[in-house]
PDBML (XML) file of the C-alpha atoms, coordinates in Angstrom:
<?xml version="1.0" encoding="UTF-8" ?>
<PDBx:datablock datablockName="MODEL"
   xmlns:PDBx="http://pdbml.pdb.org/schema/pdbx-v50.xsd"
   xmlns:xsi="http://www.w3.org/2001/XMLSchema-instance"
   xsi:schemaLocation="http://pdbml.pdb.org/schema/pdbx-v50.xsd pdbx-v50.xsd">
   <PDBx:atom_siteCategory>
      <PDBx:atom_site id="1">
         <PDBx:B_iso_or_equiv>0.00</PDBx:B_iso_or_equiv>
         <PDBx:Cartn_x>17.941</PDBx:Cartn_x>
         <PDBx:Cartn_y>-10.003</PDBx:Cartn_y>
         <PDBx:Cartn_z>26.991</PDBx:Cartn_z>
         <PDBx:auth_asym_id>A</PDBx:auth_asym_id>
         <PDBx:auth_atom_id>CA</PDBx:auth_atom_id>
         <PDBx:auth_comp_id>VAL</PDBx:auth_comp_id>
         <PDBx:auth_seq_id>1</PDBx:auth_seq_id>
         <PDBx:group_PDB>ATOM</PDBx:group_PDB>
         <PDBx:label_alt_id xsi:nil="true" />
         <PDBx:label_asym_id>A</PDBx:label_asym_id>
         <PDBx:label_atom_id>CA</PDBx:label_atom_id>
         <PDBx:label_comp_id>VAL</PDBx:label_comp_id>
         <PDBx:label_entity_id>1</PDBx:label_entity_id>
         <PDBx:label_seq_id>1</PDBx:label_seq_id>
         <PDBx:occupancy>1.00</PDBx:occupancy>
         <PDBx:pdbx_PDB_model_num>1</PDBx:pdbx_PDB_model_num>
         <PDBx:type_symbol>C</PDBx:type_symbol>
      </PDBx:atom_site>
      <PDBx:atom_site id="2">
         <PDBx:B_iso_or_equiv>0.00</PDBx:B_iso_or_equiv>
         <PDBx:Cartn_x>20.066</PDBx:Cartn_x>
         <PDBx:Cartn_y>-8.210</PDBx:Cartn_y>
         <PDBx:Cartn_z>29.562</PDBx:Cartn_z>
         <PDBx:auth_asym_id>A</PDBx:auth_asym_id>
         <PDBx:auth_atom_id>CA</PDBx:auth_atom_id>
         <PDBx:auth_comp_id>GLN</PDBx:auth_comp_id>
         <PDBx:auth_seq_id>2</PDBx:auth_seq_id>
         <PDBx:group_PDB>ATOM</PDBx:group_PDB>
         <PDBx:label_alt_id xsi:nil="true" />
         <PDBx:label_asym_id>A</PDBx:label_asym_id>
         <PDBx:label_atom_id>CA</PDBx:label_atom_id>
         <PDBx:label_comp_id>GLN</PDBx:label_comp_id>
         <PDBx:label_entity_id>1</PDBx:label_entity_id>
         <PDBx:label_seq_id>2</PDBx:label_seq_id>
         <PDBx:occupancy>1.00</PDBx:occupancy>
         <PDBx:pdbx_PDB_model_num>1</PDBx:pdbx_PDB_model_num>
         <PDBx:type_symbol>C</PDBx:type_symbol>
      </PDBx:atom_site>
      <PDBx:atom_site id="3">
         <PDBx:B_iso_or_equiv>0.00</PDBx:B_iso_or_equiv>
         <PDBx:Cartn_x>20.570</PDBx:Cartn_x>
         <PDBx:Cartn_y>-4.458</PDBx:Cartn_y>
         <PDBx:Cartn_z>29.632</PDBx:Cartn_z>
         <PDBx:auth_asym_id>A</PDBx:auth_asym_id>
         <PDBx:auth_atom_id>CA</PDBx:auth_atom_id>
         <PDBx:auth_comp_id>THR</PDBx:auth_comp_id>
         <PDBx:auth_seq_id>3</PDBx:auth_seq_id>
         <PDBx:group_PDB>ATOM</PDBx:group_PDB>
         <PDBx:label_alt_id xsi:nil="true" />
         <PDBx:label_asym_id>A</PDBx:label_asym_id>
         <PDBx:label_atom_id>CA</PDBx:label_atom_id>
         <PDBx:label_comp_id>THR</PDBx:label_comp_id>
         <PDBx:label_entity_id>1</PDBx:label_entity_id>
         <PDBx:label_seq_id>3</PDBx:label_seq_id>
         <PDBx:occupancy>1.00</PDBx:occupancy>
         <PDBx:pdbx_PDB_model_num>1</PDBx:pdbx_PDB_model_num>
         <PDBx:type_symbol>C</PDBx:type_symbol>
      </PDBx:atom_site>
      <PDBx:atom_site id="4">
         <PDBx:B_iso_or_equiv>0.00</PDBx:B_iso_or_equiv>
         <PDBx:Cartn_x>23.061</PDBx:Cartn_x>
         <PDBx:Cartn_y>-3.461</PDBx:Cartn_y>
         <PDBx:Cartn_z>26.969</PDBx:Cartn_z>
         <PDBx:auth_asym_id>A</PDBx:auth_asym_id>
         <PDBx:auth_atom_id>CA</PDBx:auth_atom_id>
         <PDBx:auth_comp_id>GLY</PDBx:auth_comp_id>
         <PDBx:auth_seq_id>4</PDBx:auth_seq_id>
         <PDBx:group_PDB>ATOM</PDBx:group_PDB>
         <PDBx:label_alt_id xsi:nil="true" />
         <PDBx:label_asym_id>A</PDBx:label_asym_id>
         <PDBx:label_atom_id>CA</PDBx:label_atom_id>
         <PDBx:label_comp_id>GLY</PDBx:label_comp_id>
         <PDBx:label_entity_id>1</PDBx:label_entity_id>
         <PDBx:label_seq_id>4</PDBx:label_seq_id>
         <PDBx:occupancy>1.00</PDBx:occupancy>
         <PDBx:pdbx_PDB_model_num>1</PDBx:pdbx_PDB_model_num>
         <PDBx:type_symbol>C</PDBx:type_symbol>
      </PDBx:atom_site>
      <PDBx:atom_site id="5">
         <PDBx:B_iso_or_equiv>0.00</PDBx:B_iso_or_equiv>
         <PDBx:Cartn_x>22.331</PDBx:Cartn_x>
         <PDBx:Cartn_y>-6.514</PDBx:Cartn_y>
         <PDBx:Cartn_z>24.865</PDBx:Cartn_z>
         <PDBx:auth_asym_id>A</PDBx:auth_asym_id>
         <PDBx:auth_atom_id>CA</PDBx:auth_atom_id>
         <PDBx:auth_comp_id>GLY</PDBx:auth_comp_id>
         <PDBx:auth_seq_id>5</PDBx:auth_seq_id>
         <PDBx:group_PDB>ATOM</PDBx:group_PDB>
         <PDBx:label_alt_id xsi:nil="true" />
         <PDBx:label_asym_id>A</PDBx:label_asym_id>
         <PDBx:label_atom_id>CA</PDBx:label_atom_id>
         <PDBx:label_comp_id>GLY</PDBx:label_comp_id>
         <PDBx:label_entity_id>1</PDBx:label_entity_id>
         <PDBx:label_seq_id>5</PDBx:label_seq_id>
         <PDBx:occupancy>1.00</PDBx:occupancy>
         <PDBx:pdbx_PDB_model_num>1</PDBx:pdbx_PDB_model_num>
         <PDBx:type_symbol>C</PDBx:type_symbol>
      </PDBx:atom_site>
      <PDBx:atom_site id="6">
         <PDBx:B_iso_or_equiv>0.00</PDBx:B_iso_or_equiv>
         <PDBx:Cartn_x>20.992</PDBx:Cartn_x>
         <PDBx:Cartn_y>-6.845</PDBx:Cartn_y>
         <PDBx:Cartn_z>21.344</PDBx:Cartn_z>
         <PDBx:auth_asym_id>A</PDBx:auth_asym_id>
         <PDBx:auth_atom_id>CA</PDBx:auth_atom_id>
         <PDBx:auth_comp_id>SER</PDBx:auth_comp_id>
         <PDBx:auth_seq_id>6</PDBx:auth_seq_id>
         <PDBx:group_PDB>ATOM</PDBx:group_PDB>
         <PDBx:label_alt_id xsi:nil="true" />
         <PDBx:label_asym_id>A</PDBx:label_asym_id>
         <PDBx:label_atom_id>CA</PDBx:label_atom_id>
         <PDBx:label_comp_id>SER</PDBx:label_comp_id>
         <PDBx:label_entity_id>1</PDBx:label_entity_id>
         <PDBx:label_seq_id>6</PDBx:label_seq_id>
         <PDBx:occupancy>1.00</PDBx:occupancy>
         <PDBx:pdbx_PDB_model_num>1</PDBx:pdbx_PDB_model_num>
         <PDBx:type_symbol>C</PDBx:type_symbol>
      </PDBx:atom_site>
      <PDBx:atom_site id="7">
         <PDBx:B_iso_or_equiv>0.00</PDBx:B_iso_or_equiv>
         <PDBx:Cartn_x>18.094</PDBx:Cartn_x>
         <PDBx:Cartn_y>-8.455</PDBx:Cartn_y>
         <PDBx:Cartn_z>19.515</PDBx:Cartn_z>
         <PDBx:auth_asym_id>A</PDBx:auth_asym_id>
         <PDBx:auth_atom_id>CA</PDBx:auth_atom_id>
         <PDBx:auth_comp_id>LEU</PDBx:auth_comp_id>
         <PDBx:auth_seq_id>7</PDBx:auth_seq_id>
         <PDBx:group_PDB>ATOM</PDBx:group_PDB>
         <PDBx:label_alt_id xsi:nil="true" />
         <PDBx:label_asym_id>A</PDBx:label_asym_id>
         <PDBx:label_atom_id>CA</PDBx:label_atom_id>
         <PDBx:label_comp_id>LEU</PDBx:label_comp_id>
         <PDBx:label_entity_id>1</PDBx:label_entity_id>
         <PDBx:label_seq_id>7</PDBx:label_seq_id>
         <PDBx:occupancy>1.00</PDBx:occupancy>
         <PDBx:pdbx_PDB_model_num>1</PDBx:pdbx_PDB_model_num>
         <PDBx:type_symbol>C</PDBx:type_symbol>
      </PDBx:atom_site>
      <PDBx:atom_site id="8">
         <PDBx:B_iso_or_equiv>0.00</PDBx:B_iso_or_equiv>
         <PDBx:Cartn_x>17.003</PDBx:Cartn_x>
         <PDBx:Cartn_y>-8.515</PDBx:Cartn_y>
         <PDBx:Cartn_z>15.896</PDBx:Cartn_z>
         <PDBx:auth_asym_id>A</PDBx:auth_asym_id>
         <PDBx:auth_atom_id>CA</PDBx:auth_atom_id>
         <PDBx:auth_comp_id>ARG</PDBx:auth_comp_id>
         <PDBx:auth_seq_id>8</PDBx:auth_seq_id>
         <PDBx:group_PDB>ATOM</PDBx:group_PDB>
         <PDBx:label_alt_id xsi:nil="true" />
         <PDBx:label_asym_id>A</PDBx:label_asym_id>
         <PDBx:label_atom_id>CA</PDBx:label_atom_id>
         <PDBx:label_comp_id>ARG</PDBx:label_comp_id>
         <PDBx:label_entity_id>1</PDBx:label_entity_id>
         <PDBx:label_seq_id>8</PDBx:label_seq_id>
         <PDBx:occupancy>1.00</PDBx:occupancy>
         <PDBx:pdbx_PDB_model_num>1</PDBx:pdbx_PDB_model_num>
         <PDBx:type_symbol>C</PDBx:type_symbol>
      </PDBx:atom_site>
      <PDBx:atom_site id="9">
         <PDBx:B_iso_or_equiv>0.00</PDBx:B_iso_or_equiv>
         <PDBx:Cartn_x>13.314</PDBx:Cartn_x>
         <PDBx:Cartn_y>-8.553</PDBx:Cartn_y>
         <PDBx:Cartn_z>15.123</PDBx:Cartn_z>
         <PDBx:auth_asym_id>A</PDBx:auth_asym_id>
         <PDBx:auth_atom_id>CA</PDBx:auth_atom_id>
         <PDBx:auth_comp_id>LEU</PDBx:auth_comp_id>
         <PDBx:auth_seq_id>9</PDBx:auth_seq_id>
         <PDBx:group_PDB>ATOM</PDBx:group_PDB>
         <PDBx:label_alt_id xsi:nil="true" />
         <PDBx:label_asym_id>A</PDBx:label_asym_id>
         <PDBx:label_atom_id>CA</PDBx:label_atom_id>
         <PDBx:label_comp_id>LEU</PDBx:label_comp_id>
         <PDBx:label_entity_id>1</PDBx:label_entity_id>
         <PDBx:label_seq_id>9</PDBx:label_seq_id>
         <PDBx:occupancy>1.00</PDBx:occupancy>
         <PDBx:pdbx_PDB_model_num>1</PDBx:pdbx_PDB_model_num>
         <PDBx:type_symbol>C</PDBx:type_symbol>
      </PDBx:atom_site>
      <PDBx:atom_site id="10">
         <PDBx:B_iso_or_equiv>0.00</PDBx:B_iso_or_equiv>
         <PDBx:Cartn_x>11.969</PDBx:Cartn_x>
         <PDBx:Cartn_y>-9.756</PDBx:Cartn_y>
         <PDBx:Cartn_z>11.790</PDBx:Cartn_z>
         <PDBx:auth_asym_id>A</PDBx:auth_asym_id>
         <PDBx:auth_atom_id>CA</PDBx:auth_atom_id>
         <PDBx:auth_comp_id>SER</PDBx:auth_comp_id>
         <PDBx:auth_seq_id>10</PDBx:auth_seq_id>
         <PDBx:group_PDB>ATOM</PDBx:group_PDB>
         <PDBx:label_alt_id xsi:nil="true" />
         <PDBx:label_asym_id>A</PDBx:label_asym_id>
         <PDBx:label_atom_id>CA</PDBx:label_atom_id>
         <PDBx:label_comp_id>SER</PDBx:label_comp_id>
         <PDBx:label_entity_id>1</PDBx:label_entity_id>
         <PDBx:label_seq_id>10</PDBx:label_seq_id>
         <PDBx:occupancy>1.00</PDBx:occupancy>
         <PDBx:pdbx_PDB_model_num>1</PDBx:pdbx_PDB_model_num>
         <PDBx:type_symbol>C</PDBx:type_symbol>
      </PDBx:atom_site>
      <PDBx:atom_site id="11">
         <PDBx:B_iso_or_equiv>0.00</PDBx:B_iso_or_equiv>
         <PDBx:Cartn_x>8.723</PDBx:Cartn_x>
         <PDBx:Cartn_y>-8.867</PDBx:Cartn_y>
         <PDBx:Cartn_z>10.049</PDBx:Cartn_z>
         <PDBx:auth_asym_id>A</PDBx:auth_asym_id>
         <PDBx:auth_atom_id>CA</PDBx:auth_atom_id>
         <PDBx:auth_comp_id>CYS</PDBx:auth_comp_id>
         <PDBx:auth_seq_id>11</PDBx:auth_seq_id>
         <PDBx:group_PDB>ATOM</PDBx:group_PDB>
         <PDBx:label_alt_id xsi:nil="true" />
         <PDBx:label_asym_id>A</PDBx:label_asym_id>
         <PDBx:label_atom_id>CA</PDBx:label_atom_id>
         <PDBx:label_comp_id>CYS</PDBx:label_comp_id>
         <PDBx:label_entity_id>1</PDBx:label_entity_id>
         <PDBx:label_seq_id>11</PDBx:label_seq_id>
         <PDBx:occupancy>1.00</PDBx:occupancy>
         <PDBx:pdbx_PDB_model_num>1</PDBx:pdbx_PDB_model_num>
         <PDBx:type_symbol>C</PDBx:type_symbol>
      </PDBx:atom_site>
      <PDBx:atom_site id="12">
         <PDBx:B_iso_or_equiv>0.00</PDBx:B_iso_or_equiv>
         <PDBx:Cartn_x>7.874</PDBx:Cartn_x>
         <PDBx:Cartn_y>-11.039</PDBx:Cartn_y>
         <PDBx:Cartn_z>7.050</PDBx:Cartn_z>
         <PDBx:auth_asym_id>A</PDBx:auth_asym_id>
         <PDBx:auth_atom_id>CA</PDBx:auth_atom_id>
         <PDBx:auth_comp_id>THR</PDBx:auth_comp_id>
         <PDBx:auth_seq_id>12</PDBx:auth_seq_id>
         <PDBx:group_PDB>ATOM</PDBx:group_PDB>
         <PDBx:label_alt_id xsi:nil="true" />
         <PDBx:label_asym_id>A</PDBx:label_asym_id>
         <PDBx:label_atom_id>CA</PDBx:label_atom_id>
         <PDBx:label_comp_id>THR</PDBx:label_comp_id>
         <PDBx:label_entity_id>1</PDBx:label_entity_id>
         <PDBx:label_seq_id>12</PDBx:label_seq_id>
         <PDBx:occupancy>1.00</PDBx:occupancy>
         <PDBx:pdbx_PDB_model_num>1</PDBx:pdbx_PDB_model_num>
         <PDBx:type_symbol>C</PDBx:type_symbol>
      </PDBx:atom_site>
      <PDBx:atom_site id="13">
         <PDBx:B_iso_or_equiv>0.00</PDBx:B_iso_or_equiv>
         <PDBx:Cartn_x>5.108</PDBx:Cartn_x>
         <PDBx:Cartn_y>-9.904</PDBx:Cartn_y>
         <PDBx:Cartn_z>4.727</PDBx:Cartn_z>
         <PDBx:auth_asym_id>A</PDBx:auth_asym_id>
         <PDBx:auth_atom_id>CA</PDBx:auth_atom_id>
         <PDBx:auth_comp_id>ALA</PDBx:auth_comp_id>
         <PDBx:auth_seq_id>13</PDBx:auth_seq_id>
         <PDBx:group_PDB>ATOM</PDBx:group_PDB>
         <PDBx:label_alt_id xsi:nil="true" />
         <PDBx:label_asym_id>A</PDBx:label_asym_id>
         <PDBx:label_atom_id>CA</PDBx:label_atom_id>
         <PDBx:label_comp_id>ALA</PDBx:label_comp_id>
         <PDBx:label_entity_id>1</PDBx:label_entity_id>
         <PDBx:label_seq_id>13</PDBx:label_seq_id>
         <PDBx:occupancy>1.00</PDBx:occupancy>
         <PDBx:pdbx_PDB_model_num>1</PDBx:pdbx_PDB_model_num>
         <PDBx:type_symbol>C</PDBx:type_symbol>
      </PDBx:atom_site>
      <PDBx:atom_site id="14">
         <PDBx:B_iso_or_equiv>0.00</PDBx:B_iso_or_equiv>
         <PDBx:Cartn_x>2.786</PDBx:Cartn_x>
         <PDBx:Cartn_y>-12.005</PDBx:Cartn_y>
         <PDBx:Cartn_z>2.592</PDBx:Cartn_z>
         <PDBx:auth_asym_id>A</PDBx:auth_asym_id>
         <PDBx:auth_atom_id>CA</PDBx:auth_atom_id>
         <PDBx:auth_comp_id>SER</PDBx:auth_comp_id>
         <PDBx:auth_seq_id>14</PDBx:auth_seq_id>
         <PDBx:group_PDB>ATOM</PDBx:group_PDB>
         <PDBx:label_alt_id xsi:nil="true" />
         <PDBx:label_asym_id>A</PDBx:label_asym_id>
         <PDBx:label_atom_id>CA</PDBx:label_atom_id>
         <PDBx:label_comp_id>SER</PDBx:label_comp_id>
         <PDBx:label_entity_id>1</PDBx:label_entity_id>
         <PDBx:label_seq_id>14</PDBx:label_seq_id>
         <PDBx:occupancy>1.00</PDBx:occupancy>
         <PDBx:pdbx_PDB_model_num>1</PDBx:pdbx_PDB_model_num>
         <PDBx:type_symbol>C</PDBx:type_symbol>
      </PDBx:atom_site>
      <PDBx:atom_site id="15">
         <PDBx:B_iso_or_equiv>0.00</PDBx:B_iso_or_equiv>
         <PDBx:Cartn_x>3.548</PDBx:Cartn_x>
         <PDBx:Cartn_y>-9.900</PDBx:Cartn_y>
         <PDBx:Cartn_z>-0.474</PDBx:Cartn_z>
         <PDBx:auth_asym_id>A</PDBx:auth_asym_id>
         <PDBx:auth_atom_id>CA</PDBx:auth_atom_id>
         <PDBx:auth_comp_id>ARG</PDBx:auth_comp_id>
         <PDBx:auth_seq_id>15</PDBx:auth_seq_id>
         <PDBx:group_PDB>ATOM</PDBx:group_PDB>
         <PDBx:label_alt_id xsi:nil="true" />
         <PDBx:label_asym_id>A</PDBx:label_asym_id>
         <PDBx:label_atom_id>CA</PDBx:label_atom_id>
         <PDBx:label_comp_id>ARG</PDBx:label_comp_id>
         <PDBx:label_entity_id>1</PDBx:label_entity_id>
         <PDBx:label_seq_id>15</PDBx:label_seq_id>
         <PDBx:occupancy>1.00</PDBx:occupancy>
         <PDBx:pdbx_PDB_model_num>1</PDBx:pdbx_PDB_model_num>
         <PDBx:type_symbol>C</PDBx:type_symbol>
      </PDBx:atom_site>
      <PDBx:atom_site id="16">
         <PDBx:B_iso_or_equiv>0.00</PDBx:B_iso_or_equiv>
         <PDBx:Cartn_x>6.457</PDBx:Cartn_x>
         <PDBx:Cartn_y>-8.017</PDBx:Cartn_y>
         <PDBx:Cartn_z>-1.944</PDBx:Cartn_z>
         <PDBx:auth_asym_id>A</PDBx:auth_asym_id>
         <PDBx:auth_atom_id>CA</PDBx:auth_atom_id>
         <PDBx:auth_comp_id>SER</PDBx:auth_comp_id>
         <PDBx:auth_seq_id>16</PDBx:auth_seq_id>
         <PDBx:group_PDB>ATOM</PDBx:group_PDB>
         <PDBx:label_alt_id xsi:nil="true" />
         <PDBx:label_asym_id>A</PDBx:label_asym_id>
         <PDBx:label_atom_id>CA</PDBx:label_atom_id>
         <PDBx:label_comp_id>SER</PDBx:label_comp_id>
         <PDBx:label_entity_id>1</PDBx:label_entity_id>
         <PDBx:label_seq_id>16</PDBx:label_seq_id>
         <PDBx:occupancy>1.00</PDBx:occupancy>
         <PDBx:pdbx_PDB_model_num>1</PDBx:pdbx_PDB_model_num>
         <PDBx:type_symbol>C</PDBx:type_symbol>
      </PDBx:atom_site>
      <PDBx:atom_site id="17">
         <PDBx:B_iso_or_equiv>0.00</PDBx:B_iso_or_equiv>
         <PDBx:Cartn_x>7.541</PDBx:Cartn_x>
         <PDBx:Cartn_y>-5.284</PDBx:Cartn_y>
         <PDBx:Cartn_z>0.449</PDBx:Cartn_z>
         <PDBx:auth_asym_id>A</PDBx:auth_asym_id>
         <PDBx:auth_atom_id>CA</PDBx:auth_atom_id>
         <PDBx:auth_comp_id>ILE</PDBx:auth_comp_id>
         <PDBx:auth_seq_id>17</PDBx:auth_seq_id>
         <PDBx:group_PDB>ATOM</PDBx:group_PDB>
         <PDBx:label_alt_id xsi:nil="true" />
         <PDBx:label_asym_id>A</PDBx:label_asym_id>
         <PDBx:label_atom_id>CA</PDBx:label_atom_id>
         <PDBx:label_comp_id>ILE</PDBx:label_comp_id>
         <PDBx:label_entity_id>1</PDBx:label_entity_id>
         <PDBx:label_seq_id>17</PDBx:label_seq_id>
         <PDBx:occupancy>1.00</PDBx:occupancy>
         <PDBx:pdbx_PDB_model_num>1</PDBx:pdbx_PDB_model_num>
         <PDBx:type_symbol>C</PDBx:type_symbol>
      </PDBx:atom_site>
      <PDBx:atom_site id="18">
         <PDBx:B_iso_or_equiv>0.00</PDBx:B_iso_or_equiv>
         <PDBx:Cartn_x>8.390</PDBx:Cartn_x>
         <PDBx:Cartn_y>-3.136</PDBx:Cartn_y>
         <PDBx:Cartn_z>-2.571</PDBx:Cartn_z>
         <PDBx:auth_asym_id>A</PDBx:auth_asym_id>
         <PDBx:auth_atom_id>CA</PDBx:auth_atom_id>
         <PDBx:auth_comp_id>ASN</PDBx:auth_comp_id>
         <PDBx:auth_seq_id>18</PDBx:auth_seq_id>
         <PDBx:group_PDB>ATOM</PDBx:group_PDB>
         <PDBx:label_alt_id xsi:nil="true" />
         <PDBx:label_asym_id>A</PDBx:label_asym_id>
         <PDBx:label_atom_id>CA</PDBx:label_atom_id>
         <PDBx:label_comp_id>ASN</PDBx:label_comp_id>
         <PDBx:label_entity_id>1</PDBx:label_entity_id>
         <PDBx:label_seq_id>18</PDBx:label_seq_id>
         <PDBx:occupancy>1.00</PDBx:occupancy>
         <PDBx:pdbx_PDB_model_num>1</PDBx:pdbx_PDB_model_num>
         <PDBx:type_symbol>C</PDBx:type_symbol>
      </PDBx:atom_site>
      <PDBx:atom_site id="19">
         <PDBx:B_iso_or_equiv>0.00</PDBx:B_iso_or_equiv>
         <PDBx:Cartn_x>4.643</PDBx:Cartn_x>
         <PDBx:Cartn_y>-2.888</PDBx:Cartn_y>
         <PDBx:Cartn_z>-3.173</PDBx:Cartn_z>
         <PDBx:auth_asym_id>A</PDBx:auth_asym_id>
         <PDBx:auth_atom_id>CA</PDBx:auth_atom_id>
         <PDBx:auth_comp_id>SER</PDBx:auth_comp_id>
         <PDBx:auth_seq_id>19</PDBx:auth_seq_id>
         <PDBx:group_PDB>ATOM</PDBx:group_PDB>
         <PDBx:label_alt_id xsi:nil="true" />
         <PDBx:label_asym_id>A</PDBx:label_asym_id>
         <PDBx:label_atom_id>CA</PDBx:label_atom_id>
         <PDBx:label_comp_id>SER</PDBx:label_comp_id>
         <PDBx:label_entity_id>1</PDBx:label_entity_id>
         <PDBx:label_seq_id>19</PDBx:label_seq_id>
         <PDBx:occupancy>1.00</PDBx:occupancy>
         <PDBx:pdbx_PDB_model_num>1</PDBx:pdbx_PDB_model_num>
         <PDBx:type_symbol>C</PDBx:type_symbol>
      </PDBx:atom_site>
      <PDBx:atom_site id="20">
         <PDBx:B_iso_or_equiv>0.00</PDBx:B_iso_or_equiv>
         <PDBx:Cartn_x>3.988</PDBx:Cartn_x>
         <PDBx:Cartn_y>-1.696</PDBx:Cartn_y>
         <PDBx:Cartn_z>0.382</PDBx:Cartn_z>
         <PDBx:auth_asym_id>A</PDBx:auth_asym_id>
         <PDBx:auth_atom_id>CA</PDBx:auth_atom_id>
         <PDBx:auth_comp_id>ILE</PDBx:auth_comp_id>
         <PDBx:auth_seq_id>20</PDBx:auth_seq_id>
         <PDBx:group_PDB>ATOM</PDBx:group_PDB>
         <PDBx:label_alt_id xsi:nil="true" />
         <PDBx:label_asym_id>A</PDBx:label_asym_id>
         <PDBx:label_atom_id>CA</PDBx:label_atom_id>
         <PDBx:label_comp_id>ILE</PDBx:label_comp_id>
         <PDBx:label_entity_id>1</PDBx:label_entity_id>
         <PDBx:label_seq_id>20</PDBx:label_seq_id>
         <PDBx:occupancy>1.00</PDBx:occupancy>
         <PDBx:pdbx_PDB_model_num>1</PDBx:pdbx_PDB_model_num>
         <PDBx:type_symbol>C</PDBx:type_symbol>
      </PDBx:atom_site>
      <PDBx:atom_site id="21">
         <PDBx:B_iso_or_equiv>0.00</PDBx:B_iso_or_equiv>
         <PDBx:Cartn_x>4.137</PDBx:Cartn_x>
         <PDBx:Cartn_y>2.055</PDBx:Cartn_y>
         <PDBx:Cartn_z>0.889</PDBx:Cartn_z>
         <PDBx:auth_asym_id>A</PDBx:auth_asym_id>
         <PDBx:auth_atom_id>CA</PDBx:auth_atom_id>
         <PDBx:auth_comp_id>ASN</PDBx:auth_comp_id>
         <PDBx:auth_seq_id>21</PDBx:auth_seq_id>
         <PDBx:group_PDB>ATOM</PDBx:group_PDB>
         <PDBx:label_alt_id xsi:nil="true" />
         <PDBx:label_asym_id>A</PDBx:label_asym_id>
         <PDBx:label_atom_id>CA</PDBx:label_atom_id>
         <PDBx:label_comp_id>ASN</PDBx:label_comp_id>
         <PDBx:label_entity_id>1</PDBx:label_entity_id>
         <PDBx:label_seq_id>21</PDBx:label_seq_id>
         <PDBx:occupancy>1.00</PDBx:occupancy>
         <PDBx:pdbx_PDB_model_num>1</PDBx:pdbx_PDB_model_num>
         <PDBx:type_symbol>C</PDBx:type_symbol>
      </PDBx:atom_site>
      <PDBx:atom_site id="22">
         <PDBx:B_iso_or_equiv>0.00</PDBx:B_iso_or_equiv>
         <PDBx:Cartn_x>5.628</PDBx:Cartn_x>
         <PDBx:Cartn_y>1.889</PDBx:Cartn_y>
         <PDBx:Cartn_z>4.355</PDBx:Cartn_z>
         <PDBx:auth_asym_id>A</PDBx:auth_asym_id>
         <PDBx:auth_atom_id>CA</PDBx:auth_atom_id>
         <PDBx:auth_comp_id>ALA</PDBx:auth_comp_id>
         <PDBx:auth_seq_id>22</PDBx:auth_seq_id>
         <PDBx:group_PDB>ATOM</PDBx:group_PDB>
         <PDBx:label_alt_id xsi:nil="true" />
         <PDBx:label_asym_id>A</PDBx:label_asym_id>
         <PDBx:label_atom_id>CA</PDBx:label_atom_id>
         <PDBx:label_comp_id>ALA</PDBx:label_comp_id>
         <PDBx:label_entity_id>1</PDBx:label_entity_id>
         <PDBx:label_seq_id>22</PDBx:label_seq_id>
         <PDBx:occupancy>1.00</PDBx:occupancy>
         <PDBx:pdbx_PDB_model_num>1</PDBx:pdbx_PDB_model_num>
         <PDBx:type_symbol>C</PDBx:type_symbol>
      </PDBx:atom_site>
      <PDBx:atom_site id="23">
         <PDBx:B_iso_or_equiv>0.00</PDBx:B_iso_or_equiv>
         <PDBx:Cartn_x>6.434</PDBx:Cartn_x>
         <PDBx:Cartn_y>-0.658</PDBx:Cartn_y>
         <PDBx:Cartn_z>7.023</PDBx:Cartn_z>
         <PDBx:auth_asym_id>A</PDBx:auth_asym_id>
         <PDBx:auth_atom_id>CA</PDBx:auth_atom_id>
         <PDBx:auth_comp_id>ILE</PDBx:auth_comp_id>
         <PDBx:auth_seq_id>23</PDBx:auth_seq_id>
         <PDBx:group_PDB>ATOM</PDBx:group_PDB>
         <PDBx:label_alt_id xsi:nil="true" />
         <PDBx:label_asym_id>A</PDBx:label_asym_id>
         <PDBx:label_atom_id>CA</PDBx:label_atom_id>
         <PDBx:label_comp_id>ILE</PDBx:label_comp_id>
         <PDBx:label_entity_id>1</PDBx:label_entity_id>
         <PDBx:label_seq_id>23</PDBx:label_seq_id>
         <PDBx:occupancy>1.00</PDBx:occupancy>
         <PDBx:pdbx_PDB_model_num>1</PDBx:pdbx_PDB_model_num>
         <PDBx:type_symbol>C</PDBx:type_symbol>
      </PDBx:atom_site>
      <PDBx:atom_site id="24">
         <PDBx:B_iso_or_equiv>0.00</PDBx:B_iso_or_equiv>
         <PDBx:Cartn_x>6.575</PDBx:Cartn_x>
         <PDBx:Cartn_y>0.481</PDBx:Cartn_y>
         <PDBx:Cartn_z>10.608</PDBx:Cartn_z>
         <PDBx:auth_asym_id>A</PDBx:auth_asym_id>
         <PDBx:auth_atom_id>CA</PDBx:auth_atom_id>
         <PDBx:auth_comp_id>HIS</PDBx:auth_comp_id>
         <PDBx:auth_seq_id>24</PDBx:auth_seq_id>
         <PDBx:group_PDB>ATOM</PDBx:group_PDB>
         <PDBx:label_alt_id xsi:nil="true" />
         <PDBx:label_asym_id>A</PDBx:label_asym_id>
         <PDBx:label_atom_id>CA</PDBx:label_atom_id>
         <PDBx:label_comp_id>HIS</PDBx:label_comp_id>
         <PDBx:label_entity_id>1</PDBx:label_entity_id>
         <PDBx:label_seq_id>24</PDBx:label_seq_id>
         <PDBx:occupancy>1.00</PDBx:occupancy>
         <PDBx:pdbx_PDB_model_num>1</PDBx:pdbx_PDB_model_num>
         <PDBx:type_symbol>C</PDBx:type_symbol>
      </PDBx:atom_site>
   </PDBx:atom_siteCategory>
</PDBx:datablock>
């Protein structure tokens, strides 16, 4: 991406993220 642009990263977990203390 060029300077000033945007991106959205995704992180998909193999289990419910509500059960995970923290995601970094």
